[in-house]
Every structure is written in C-alpha cells, then in structure tokens.
Amino acid sequence: MRGKLVVMSLFVMAALLFGYSLWFVNNHSPVDKRFNMRRKPLADDTAGALILKERAGDFLRSGLTVDTLDATEGRRHGIATYDVEGKTVTLEVERFETTPTLEMAFADFLSRAGGEARFSTLTLHPEAQLPYGYAVFAGLEYTYYEFSWINGNWILRVSTRDAGAEALLRFANGYTF
C-alpha cells in the first residue's frame, strides 16, 4: 500500500511539473517588452563599416547597400541584409542633423510593409532610456515585423517578412548599437 502511495504522489508531482512547464514555455512576455536597452552610443561620425557590420550577433551579413552611409556631412543612410536561419532580416540606419523622433522612425512603415493601416499595430516606447517602437503588419500572404529605435541622431530599423518576431527580436538584441 505504501509503495502505491509513493508512485501515485510521484505521478501527481510529474503531472503538475508538466503542466507548469507548458504554462512557462507558452507564457512569454510580449516581444516589444523584451527589447534590449543596453546598446553602445552611436556617434554622428561612426564609420559605415562599423554600423553595418559583417556580423551582428550570430547572424551574417548577406547583402549591403551603402547608399550615403559614408558621407562626411548631411544625411547618411545605408541598408544591410542578414541571414537568419535561411530567412532575411533587414537592418536600415539613417542619421539626421537633429535628434529624430519615433514618429519619424515609423513615418513610412506601411510602404515598407506593403500594406494598409487597418491591418497593422504599432507600440511606441518614447519614455524608454532608448526610445523605441515595435510594429506589425499582418497581411493575407505574409506578416511584416519591425523594430525601430533612436540612438543619438540615428534611427535604426530592423525588419523581416519571413523570419518571424522571435528571430527579429534575437537579431535586434544581438546588434550592439
């Protein structure tokens, strides 16, 4: 009889532990709440090669459009694409003469996403130590995810259509600026 009680209590404890583990695995905080605030400051004169690095965290650069990134004055802009488990994440950087706003960062969101306002959500965190926002466009054929943040006079933007929100967050949190 005593052996049966021990086995039954072990079974109940295992079932409770299994239930807890299912809850824990499926109960993540929202993606935008897990954005990494610890970033290096980005000076106005930072070289383009340092900004659009060959490697960002565990991700390798697969494409590069320097545009005006290496200009010595005025607007600076560049785009790099990175391979994330066979899917693409885009990093876009843009420097302004004055400190940009989050509204500026998301001004052309719908054209980048290729959609309409009624299918998108935008969450801004202007009060954060590093102002940032997270936007999602849910289309019929794809979902577009985007993080944008302000570092000095720079807007940094990472986005994807095919890598998913968690991969985008992992990329954004692995990027140093």
N, C-alpha and C. Protein backbone atom coordinates (compact mmCIF):
# COMPACT_ATOMS: atom_id res chain seq x y z
N MET A 1 0.81 -1.19 0.00
CA MET A 1 0.00 0.00 0.00
C MET A 1 0.87 1.27 0.00
N ARG A 2 1.92 1.23 0.81
CA ARG A 2 2.78 2.40 0.92
C ARG A 2 3.49 2.67 -0.42
N GLY A 3 3.89 1.64 -1.14
CA GLY A 3 4.53 1.78 -2.44
C GLY A 3 3.59 2.42 -3.45
N LYS A 4 2.29 2.06 -3.40
CA LYS A 4 1.32 2.65 -4.32
C LYS A 4 1.16 4.15 -4.06
N LEU A 5 1.19 4.55 -2.79
CA LEU A 5 1.07 5.98 -2.46
C LEU A 5 2.28 6.77 -2.98
N VAL A 6 3.45 6.19 -2.86
CA VAL A 6 4.66 6.85 -3.35
C VAL A 6 4.58 7.01 -4.87
N VAL A 7 4.19 5.96 -5.56
CA VAL A 7 4.08 6.00 -7.02
C VAL A 7 3.02 7.01 -7.44
N MET A 8 1.87 7.02 -6.77
CA MET A 8 0.79 7.95 -7.10
C MET A 8 1.24 9.40 -6.85
N SER A 9 1.92 9.64 -5.74
CA SER A 9 2.37 11.00 -5.44
C SER A 9 3.43 11.46 -6.46
N LEU A 10 4.31 10.57 -6.90
CA LEU A 10 5.28 10.89 -7.94
C LEU A 10 4.57 11.22 -9.26
N PHE A 11 3.55 10.45 -9.57
CA PHE A 11 2.78 10.69 -10.79
C PHE A 11 2.08 12.06 -10.73
N VAL A 12 1.49 12.40 -9.61
CA VAL A 12 0.82 13.69 -9.45
C VAL A 12 1.84 14.82 -9.56
N MET A 13 2.99 14.67 -8.91
CA MET A 13 4.03 15.69 -8.98
C MET A 13 4.55 15.86 -10.40
N ALA A 14 4.72 14.76 -11.13
CA ALA A 14 5.17 14.83 -12.52
C ALA A 14 4.13 15.54 -13.39
N ALA A 15 2.84 15.25 -13.16
CA ALA A 15 1.78 15.90 -13.93
C ALA A 15 1.75 17.40 -13.63
N LEU A 16 1.93 17.79 -12.37
CA LEU A 16 1.96 19.20 -12.01
C LEU A 16 3.17 19.91 -12.63
N LEU A 17 4.31 19.27 -12.59
CA LEU A 17 5.51 19.82 -13.20
C LEU A 17 5.35 19.96 -14.71
N PHE A 18 4.74 18.98 -15.35
CA PHE A 18 4.49 19.04 -16.78
C PHE A 18 3.55 20.20 -17.10
N GLY A 19 2.49 20.35 -16.33
CA GLY A 19 1.55 21.46 -16.53
C GLY A 19 2.23 22.81 -16.37
N TYR A 20 3.07 22.95 -15.35
CA TYR A 20 3.80 24.18 -15.14
C TYR A 20 4.75 24.47 -16.29
N SER A 21 5.44 23.45 -16.77
CA SER A 21 6.39 23.66 -17.86
C SER A 21 5.67 24.11 -19.14
N LEU A 22 4.49 23.56 -19.41
CA LEU A 22 3.70 24.01 -20.56
C LEU A 22 3.30 25.47 -20.40
N TRP A 23 2.86 25.84 -19.21
CA TRP A 23 2.49 27.23 -18.96
C TRP A 23 3.69 28.15 -19.13
N PHE A 24 4.84 27.75 -18.58
CA PHE A 24 6.04 28.57 -18.62
C PHE A 24 6.53 28.78 -20.05
N VAL A 25 6.56 27.73 -20.85
CA VAL A 25 7.04 27.81 -22.22
C VAL A 25 6.11 28.68 -23.07
N ASN A 26 4.83 28.63 -22.85
CA ASN A 26 3.87 29.36 -23.67
C ASN A 26 3.47 30.71 -23.10
N ASN A 27 4.11 31.16 -22.05
CA ASN A 27 3.71 32.40 -21.41
C ASN A 27 4.83 33.44 -21.46
N HIS A 28 5.32 33.75 -22.68
CA HIS A 28 6.35 34.77 -22.85
C HIS A 28 5.75 36.16 -22.68
N SER A 29 6.56 37.08 -22.23
CA SER A 29 6.12 38.47 -22.25
C SER A 29 6.12 38.92 -23.71
N PRO A 30 5.38 39.99 -24.03
CA PRO A 30 5.32 40.45 -25.43
C PRO A 30 6.71 40.76 -25.98
N VAL A 31 6.87 40.59 -27.28
CA VAL A 31 8.16 40.79 -27.94
C VAL A 31 8.71 42.18 -27.66
N ASP A 32 7.86 43.20 -27.74
CA ASP A 32 8.37 44.56 -27.56
C ASP A 32 8.86 44.83 -26.13
N LYS A 33 8.40 44.06 -25.16
CA LYS A 33 8.85 44.24 -23.77
C LYS A 33 10.22 43.61 -23.52
N ARG A 34 10.70 42.79 -24.45
CA ARG A 34 11.98 42.11 -24.28
C ARG A 34 13.10 42.75 -25.10
N PHE A 35 12.88 43.96 -25.60
CA PHE A 35 13.87 44.69 -26.39
C PHE A 35 15.03 45.09 -25.50
N ASN A 36 16.25 44.85 -25.93
CA ASN A 36 17.47 45.12 -25.17
C ASN A 36 17.81 46.61 -25.19
N MET A 37 17.89 47.23 -24.01
CA MET A 37 18.21 48.65 -23.91
C MET A 37 19.72 48.91 -23.81
N ARG A 38 20.50 47.90 -23.53
CA ARG A 38 21.95 48.09 -23.38
C ARG A 38 22.60 48.10 -24.76
N ARG A 39 22.88 49.30 -25.23
CA ARG A 39 23.49 49.48 -26.54
C ARG A 39 24.59 50.51 -26.45
N LYS A 40 25.57 50.37 -27.32
CA LYS A 40 26.64 51.35 -27.38
C LYS A 40 26.10 52.63 -28.00
N PRO A 41 26.58 53.81 -27.54
CA PRO A 41 26.15 55.06 -28.18
C PRO A 41 26.68 55.11 -29.61
N LEU A 42 25.91 55.69 -30.50
CA LEU A 42 26.28 55.78 -31.91
C LEU A 42 26.58 57.23 -32.24
N ALA A 43 27.86 57.54 -32.44
CA ALA A 43 28.29 58.91 -32.73
C ALA A 43 27.94 59.28 -34.17
N ASP A 44 27.81 60.56 -34.42
CA ASP A 44 27.47 61.03 -35.78
C ASP A 44 28.51 60.64 -36.80
N ASP A 45 29.78 60.54 -36.39
CA ASP A 45 30.86 60.27 -37.33
C ASP A 45 31.30 58.80 -37.36
N THR A 46 30.49 57.91 -36.82
CA THR A 46 30.83 56.48 -36.83
C THR A 46 30.93 55.98 -38.26
N ALA A 47 31.98 55.24 -38.55
CA ALA A 47 32.20 54.73 -39.91
C ALA A 47 31.11 53.72 -40.28
N GLY A 48 30.71 53.76 -41.54
CA GLY A 48 29.66 52.87 -42.05
C GLY A 48 29.96 51.40 -41.83
N ALA A 49 31.24 51.02 -41.98
CA ALA A 49 31.62 49.61 -41.80
C ALA A 49 31.40 49.13 -40.37
N LEU A 50 31.46 50.05 -39.40
CA LEU A 50 31.21 49.67 -38.02
C LEU A 50 29.72 49.55 -37.73
N ILE A 51 28.92 50.31 -38.45
CA ILE A 51 27.47 50.30 -38.22
C ILE A 51 26.83 49.08 -38.87
N LEU A 52 27.11 48.87 -40.14
CA LEU A 52 26.56 47.72 -40.87
C LEU A 52 27.62 46.62 -40.91
N LYS A 53 27.85 46.05 -39.76
CA LYS A 53 28.91 45.07 -39.57
C LYS A 53 28.69 43.82 -40.42
N GLU A 54 29.78 43.10 -40.61
CA GLU A 54 29.74 41.82 -41.31
C GLU A 54 28.92 40.80 -40.51
N ARG A 55 28.98 40.95 -39.20
CA ARG A 55 28.30 40.02 -38.30
C ARG A 55 27.55 40.82 -37.23
N ALA A 56 26.31 40.43 -36.98
CA ALA A 56 25.52 41.04 -35.90
C ALA A 56 25.03 39.90 -35.03
N GLY A 57 25.64 39.75 -33.86
CA GLY A 57 25.30 38.60 -33.01
C GLY A 57 25.70 37.32 -33.73
N ASP A 58 24.77 36.41 -33.89
CA ASP A 58 25.03 35.15 -34.59
C ASP A 58 24.70 35.21 -36.08
N PHE A 59 24.36 36.38 -36.58
CA PHE A 59 23.85 36.50 -37.94
C PHE A 59 24.89 37.10 -38.87
N LEU A 60 25.02 36.54 -40.06
CA LEU A 60 25.99 37.00 -41.05
C LEU A 60 25.32 37.89 -42.10
N ARG A 61 26.02 38.95 -42.47
CA ARG A 61 25.51 39.85 -43.50
C ARG A 61 25.52 39.15 -44.85
N SER A 62 24.42 39.26 -45.58
CA SER A 62 24.33 38.63 -46.90
C SER A 62 24.17 39.65 -48.02
N GLY A 63 23.91 40.91 -47.68
CA GLY A 63 23.77 41.96 -48.68
C GLY A 63 24.04 43.31 -48.07
N LEU A 64 24.46 44.27 -48.91
CA LEU A 64 24.82 45.59 -48.39
C LEU A 64 24.51 46.65 -49.44
N THR A 65 23.83 47.72 -49.03
CA THR A 65 23.60 48.91 -49.85
C THR A 65 24.10 50.09 -49.03
N VAL A 66 25.28 50.61 -49.39
CA VAL A 66 25.92 51.65 -48.60
C VAL A 66 25.19 52.98 -48.75
N ASP A 67 24.62 53.26 -49.93
CA ASP A 67 23.88 54.49 -50.20
C ASP A 67 24.75 55.68 -49.80
N THR A 68 24.34 56.51 -48.86
CA THR A 68 25.11 57.69 -48.44
C THR A 68 25.71 57.49 -47.05
N LEU A 69 25.88 56.25 -46.62
CA LEU A 69 26.34 55.97 -45.26
C LEU A 69 27.73 56.52 -44.97
N ASP A 70 28.59 56.56 -45.96
CA ASP A 70 29.94 57.05 -45.73
C ASP A 70 30.11 58.53 -46.07
N ALA A 71 29.02 59.27 -46.22
CA ALA A 71 29.10 60.72 -46.45
C ALA A 71 29.69 61.39 -45.21
N THR A 72 30.39 62.49 -45.41
CA THR A 72 31.00 63.19 -44.28
C THR A 72 30.08 64.22 -43.67
N GLU A 73 29.04 64.61 -44.37
CA GLU A 73 28.08 65.56 -43.82
C GLU A 73 26.71 65.31 -44.44
N GLY A 74 25.69 65.89 -43.81
CA GLY A 74 24.33 65.72 -44.31
C GLY A 74 23.74 64.37 -43.92
N ARG A 75 22.74 63.98 -44.65
CA ARG A 75 22.03 62.72 -44.37
C ARG A 75 22.93 61.53 -44.68
N ARG A 76 22.90 60.56 -43.78
CA ARG A 76 23.65 59.31 -44.00
C ARG A 76 22.64 58.17 -43.93
N HIS A 77 22.74 57.24 -44.86
CA HIS A 77 21.76 56.16 -44.96
C HIS A 77 22.42 54.92 -45.53
N GLY A 78 22.06 53.77 -44.98
CA GLY A 78 22.56 52.50 -45.50
C GLY A 78 21.67 51.36 -45.07
N ILE A 79 21.73 50.26 -45.83
CA ILE A 79 20.90 49.08 -45.56
C ILE A 79 21.77 47.84 -45.70
N ALA A 80 21.58 46.90 -44.80
CA ALA A 80 22.24 45.59 -44.90
C ALA A 80 21.20 44.51 -44.65
N THR A 81 21.38 43.38 -45.31
CA THR A 81 20.51 42.23 -45.05
C THR A 81 21.36 41.14 -44.41
N TYR A 82 20.73 40.42 -43.51
CA TYR A 82 21.41 39.37 -42.75
C TYR A 82 20.61 38.09 -42.88
N ASP A 83 21.34 36.98 -42.92
CA ASP A 83 20.72 35.67 -43.00
C ASP A 83 20.41 35.17 -41.59
N VAL A 84 19.15 34.84 -41.36
CA VAL A 84 18.69 34.32 -40.08
C VAL A 84 18.03 32.99 -40.35
N GLU A 85 18.77 31.90 -40.16
CA GLU A 85 18.24 30.55 -40.36
C GLU A 85 17.60 30.40 -41.74
N GLY A 86 18.28 30.92 -42.77
CA GLY A 86 17.79 30.81 -44.13
C GLY A 86 16.76 31.85 -44.51
N LYS A 87 16.45 32.75 -43.60
CA LYS A 87 15.49 33.82 -43.87
C LYS A 87 16.18 35.17 -43.69
N THR A 88 15.56 36.23 -44.18
CA THR A 88 16.23 37.52 -44.23
C THR A 88 15.70 38.51 -43.19
N VAL A 89 16.66 39.20 -42.55
CA VAL A 89 16.36 40.34 -41.68
C VAL A 89 17.09 41.53 -42.29
N THR A 90 16.41 42.67 -42.37
CA THR A 90 16.99 43.88 -42.94
C THR A 90 17.30 44.86 -41.82
N LEU A 91 18.49 45.44 -41.86
CA LEU A 91 18.91 46.48 -40.93
C LEU A 91 19.09 47.76 -41.75
N GLU A 92 18.36 48.79 -41.38
CA GLU A 92 18.46 50.09 -42.05
C GLU A 92 18.87 51.13 -41.02
N VAL A 93 19.84 51.96 -41.37
CA VAL A 93 20.31 53.02 -40.49
C VAL A 93 20.23 54.35 -41.22
N GLU A 94 19.87 55.39 -40.48
CA GLU A 94 19.76 56.72 -41.07
C GLU A 94 20.11 57.76 -40.02
N ARG A 95 21.01 58.69 -40.39
CA ARG A 95 21.42 59.76 -39.48
C ARG A 95 20.79 61.07 -39.93
N PHE A 96 20.32 61.84 -38.95
CA PHE A 96 19.70 63.13 -39.20
C PHE A 96 20.54 64.22 -38.56
N GLU A 97 20.33 65.46 -38.99
CA GLU A 97 21.07 66.60 -38.42
C GLU A 97 20.64 66.89 -36.98
N THR A 98 19.37 66.61 -36.65
CA THR A 98 18.87 66.81 -35.30
C THR A 98 18.34 65.48 -34.78
N THR A 99 18.08 65.42 -33.49
CA THR A 99 17.58 64.18 -32.90
C THR A 99 16.23 63.81 -33.50
N PRO A 100 16.12 62.64 -34.07
CA PRO A 100 14.85 62.21 -34.67
C PRO A 100 13.83 61.79 -33.61
N THR A 101 12.61 61.59 -34.06
CA THR A 101 11.53 61.15 -33.17
C THR A 101 11.05 59.77 -33.62
N LEU A 102 10.31 59.10 -32.75
CA LEU A 102 9.75 57.81 -33.14
C LEU A 102 8.72 57.96 -34.25
N GLU A 103 8.04 59.09 -34.30
CA GLU A 103 7.10 59.32 -35.39
C GLU A 103 7.84 59.34 -36.73
N MET A 104 9.04 59.92 -36.74
CA MET A 104 9.86 59.91 -37.96
C MET A 104 10.29 58.49 -38.30
N ALA A 105 10.60 57.71 -37.27
CA ALA A 105 11.07 56.34 -37.49
C ALA A 105 10.01 55.47 -38.16
N PHE A 106 8.75 55.71 -37.82
CA PHE A 106 7.67 54.87 -38.36
C PHE A 106 6.84 55.57 -39.43
N ALA A 107 7.31 56.72 -39.92
CA ALA A 107 6.55 57.51 -40.89
C ALA A 107 6.19 56.71 -42.14
N ASP A 108 7.09 55.93 -42.67
CA ASP A 108 6.85 55.17 -43.90
C ASP A 108 6.64 53.69 -43.64
N PHE A 109 6.18 53.35 -42.46
CA PHE A 109 6.02 51.94 -42.09
C PHE A 109 5.15 51.18 -43.09
N LEU A 110 4.02 51.72 -43.43
CA LEU A 110 3.11 50.99 -44.32
C LEU A 110 3.69 50.78 -45.71
N SER A 111 4.46 51.72 -46.21
CA SER A 111 5.08 51.50 -47.52
C SER A 111 6.18 50.44 -47.43
N ARG A 112 6.92 50.40 -46.31
CA ARG A 112 7.92 49.33 -46.14
C ARG A 112 7.24 47.98 -46.00
N ALA A 113 6.10 47.96 -45.30
CA ALA A 113 5.37 46.70 -45.08
C ALA A 113 4.57 46.30 -46.32
N GLY A 114 4.24 47.26 -47.16
CA GLY A 114 3.45 46.97 -48.34
C GLY A 114 1.98 46.74 -48.02
N GLY A 115 1.42 47.49 -47.07
CA GLY A 115 0.05 47.23 -46.65
C GLY A 115 -0.74 48.47 -46.32
N GLU A 116 -1.86 48.25 -45.66
CA GLU A 116 -2.78 49.31 -45.27
C GLU A 116 -2.87 49.41 -43.75
N ALA A 117 -3.25 50.59 -43.26
CA ALA A 117 -3.26 50.87 -41.82
C ALA A 117 -4.17 49.94 -41.04
N ARG A 118 -5.27 49.51 -41.61
CA ARG A 118 -6.22 48.72 -40.83
C ARG A 118 -5.69 47.34 -40.46
N PHE A 119 -4.58 46.94 -41.03
CA PHE A 119 -4.02 45.62 -40.75
C PHE A 119 -2.74 45.70 -39.93
N SER A 120 -2.47 46.84 -39.29
CA SER A 120 -1.20 46.99 -38.59
C SER A 120 -1.40 47.43 -37.15
N THR A 121 -0.37 47.11 -36.33
CA THR A 121 -0.34 47.58 -34.95
C THR A 121 1.02 48.23 -34.70
N LEU A 122 1.01 49.24 -33.86
CA LEU A 122 2.23 49.98 -33.55
C LEU A 122 2.26 50.24 -32.06
N THR A 123 3.37 49.85 -31.42
CA THR A 123 3.56 50.09 -29.99
C THR A 123 4.82 50.93 -29.82
N LEU A 124 4.65 52.13 -29.28
CA LEU A 124 5.79 53.03 -29.08
C LEU A 124 6.17 53.08 -27.61
N HIS A 125 7.47 53.22 -27.37
CA HIS A 125 8.01 53.35 -26.01
C HIS A 125 8.91 54.59 -25.96
N PRO A 126 8.31 55.79 -26.07
CA PRO A 126 9.13 57.01 -26.07
C PRO A 126 9.76 57.32 -24.72
N GLU A 127 9.21 56.78 -23.65
CA GLU A 127 9.72 57.04 -22.31
C GLU A 127 10.94 56.18 -21.97
N ALA A 128 11.26 55.22 -22.80
CA ALA A 128 12.37 54.30 -22.52
C ALA A 128 13.70 55.04 -22.57
N GLN A 129 14.68 54.49 -21.90
CA GLN A 129 16.03 55.04 -21.89
C GLN A 129 16.53 55.22 -23.33
N LEU A 130 16.19 54.29 -24.19
CA LEU A 130 16.48 54.34 -25.61
C LEU A 130 15.12 54.27 -26.31
N PRO A 131 14.57 55.40 -26.77
CA PRO A 131 13.22 55.37 -27.35
C PRO A 131 13.14 54.36 -28.50
N TYR A 132 12.10 53.53 -28.46
CA TYR A 132 11.94 52.51 -29.49
C TYR A 132 10.47 52.20 -29.71
N GLY A 133 10.22 51.49 -30.80
CA GLY A 133 8.87 51.07 -31.10
C GLY A 133 8.89 49.75 -31.83
N TYR A 134 7.74 49.10 -31.84
CA TYR A 134 7.58 47.80 -32.49
C TYR A 134 6.28 47.83 -33.28
N ALA A 135 6.35 47.44 -34.53
CA ALA A 135 5.16 47.46 -35.39
C ALA A 135 5.01 46.12 -36.10
N VAL A 136 3.76 45.76 -36.34
CA VAL A 136 3.44 44.51 -37.03
C VAL A 136 2.39 44.80 -38.09
N PHE A 137 2.63 44.32 -39.29
CA PHE A 137 1.62 44.36 -40.34
C PHE A 137 1.25 42.92 -40.65
N ALA A 138 -0.01 42.58 -40.49
CA ALA A 138 -0.48 41.22 -40.76
C ALA A 138 -1.26 41.23 -42.08
N GLY A 139 -0.61 40.82 -43.14
CA GLY A 139 -1.24 40.74 -44.45
C GLY A 139 -1.85 39.38 -44.69
N LEU A 140 -2.43 39.20 -45.84
CA LEU A 140 -3.03 37.92 -46.19
C LEU A 140 -1.97 36.86 -46.49
N GLU A 141 -0.85 37.29 -47.09
CA GLU A 141 0.16 36.33 -47.52
C GLU A 141 1.43 36.34 -46.67
N TYR A 142 1.60 37.34 -45.85
CA TYR A 142 2.80 37.45 -45.02
C TYR A 142 2.52 38.36 -43.83
N THR A 143 3.42 38.30 -42.84
CA THR A 143 3.40 39.22 -41.72
C THR A 143 4.74 39.93 -41.71
N TYR A 144 4.69 41.24 -41.55
CA TYR A 144 5.89 42.08 -41.55
C TYR A 144 6.09 42.61 -40.13
N TYR A 145 7.30 42.43 -39.59
CA TYR A 145 7.64 42.86 -38.23
C TYR A 145 8.74 43.91 -38.32
N GLU A 146 8.69 44.91 -37.44
CA GLU A 146 9.71 45.95 -37.46
C GLU A 146 9.96 46.52 -36.07
N PHE A 147 11.23 46.60 -35.70
CA PHE A 147 11.68 47.34 -34.52
C PHE A 147 12.40 48.58 -35.03
N SER A 148 12.14 49.74 -34.44
CA SER A 148 12.90 50.95 -34.73
C SER A 148 13.28 51.60 -33.41
N TRP A 149 14.48 52.14 -33.36
CA TRP A 149 14.91 52.82 -32.15
C TRP A 149 15.81 54.00 -32.52
N ILE A 150 15.97 54.89 -31.55
CA ILE A 150 16.76 56.10 -31.75
C ILE A 150 18.01 56.00 -30.88
N ASN A 151 19.16 56.21 -31.52
CA ASN A 151 20.44 56.19 -30.82
C ASN A 151 21.18 57.44 -31.26
N GLY A 152 21.16 58.47 -30.41
CA GLY A 152 21.76 59.76 -30.79
C GLY A 152 20.93 60.41 -31.88
N ASN A 153 21.59 60.77 -32.99
CA ASN A 153 20.89 61.35 -34.14
C ASN A 153 20.55 60.30 -35.20
N TRP A 154 20.58 59.05 -34.80
CA TRP A 154 20.35 57.95 -35.72
C TRP A 154 19.00 57.27 -35.45
N ILE A 155 18.37 56.84 -36.54
CA ILE A 155 17.25 55.90 -36.46
C ILE A 155 17.80 54.58 -36.96
N LEU A 156 17.60 53.54 -36.17
CA LEU A 156 17.98 52.19 -36.57
C LEU A 156 16.71 51.38 -36.67
N ARG A 157 16.62 50.58 -37.73
CA ARG A 157 15.38 49.86 -38.01
C ARG A 157 15.74 48.44 -38.45
N VAL A 158 15.16 47.45 -37.80
CA VAL A 158 15.31 46.06 -38.24
C VAL A 158 13.92 45.53 -38.58
N SER A 159 13.86 44.77 -39.66
CA SER A 159 12.56 44.30 -40.11
C SER A 159 12.70 42.96 -40.83
N THR A 160 11.58 42.26 -40.91
CA THR A 160 11.55 41.00 -41.63
C THR A 160 10.13 40.68 -42.07
N ARG A 161 10.03 39.93 -43.15
CA ARG A 161 8.75 39.39 -43.60
C ARG A 161 8.66 37.90 -43.35
N ASP A 162 9.80 37.26 -43.27
CA ASP A 162 9.76 35.80 -43.23
C ASP A 162 10.47 35.14 -42.05
N ALA A 163 11.23 35.88 -41.26
CA ALA A 163 11.98 35.25 -40.17
C ALA A 163 11.16 35.12 -38.89
N GLY A 164 10.12 35.92 -38.71
CA GLY A 164 9.28 35.84 -37.52
C GLY A 164 9.71 36.80 -36.44
N ALA A 165 8.81 37.05 -35.49
CA ALA A 165 9.03 38.03 -34.43
C ALA A 165 10.17 37.64 -33.49
N GLU A 166 10.24 36.37 -33.11
CA GLU A 166 11.29 35.94 -32.17
C GLU A 166 12.68 36.04 -32.79
N ALA A 167 12.82 35.67 -34.06
CA ALA A 167 14.12 35.78 -34.74
C ALA A 167 14.50 37.25 -34.89
N LEU A 168 13.52 38.11 -35.19
CA LEU A 168 13.80 39.54 -35.31
C LEU A 168 14.26 40.10 -33.97
N LEU A 169 13.59 39.72 -32.89
CA LEU A 169 14.00 40.16 -31.56
C LEU A 169 15.41 39.68 -31.22
N ARG A 170 15.70 38.44 -31.54
CA ARG A 170 17.04 37.89 -31.29
C ARG A 170 18.10 38.68 -32.05
N PHE A 171 17.79 39.04 -33.31
CA PHE A 171 18.72 39.84 -34.11
C PHE A 171 18.88 41.22 -33.49
N ALA A 172 17.76 41.91 -33.20
CA ALA A 172 17.82 43.26 -32.64
C ALA A 172 18.58 43.27 -31.32
N ASN A 173 18.37 42.28 -30.48
CA ASN A 173 19.05 42.23 -29.19
C ASN A 173 20.52 41.86 -29.32
N GLY A 174 20.91 41.24 -30.42
CA GLY A 174 22.31 40.89 -30.66
C GLY A 174 23.09 42.01 -31.33
N TYR A 175 22.39 43.02 -31.86
CA TYR A 175 23.03 44.16 -32.54
C TYR A 175 23.51 45.14 -31.46
N THR A 176 24.73 45.63 -31.58
CA THR A 176 25.35 46.38 -30.49
C THR A 176 24.93 47.85 -30.38
N PHE A 177 24.51 48.48 -31.47
CA PHE A 177 24.16 49.90 -31.40
C PHE A 177 22.70 50.07 -31.11
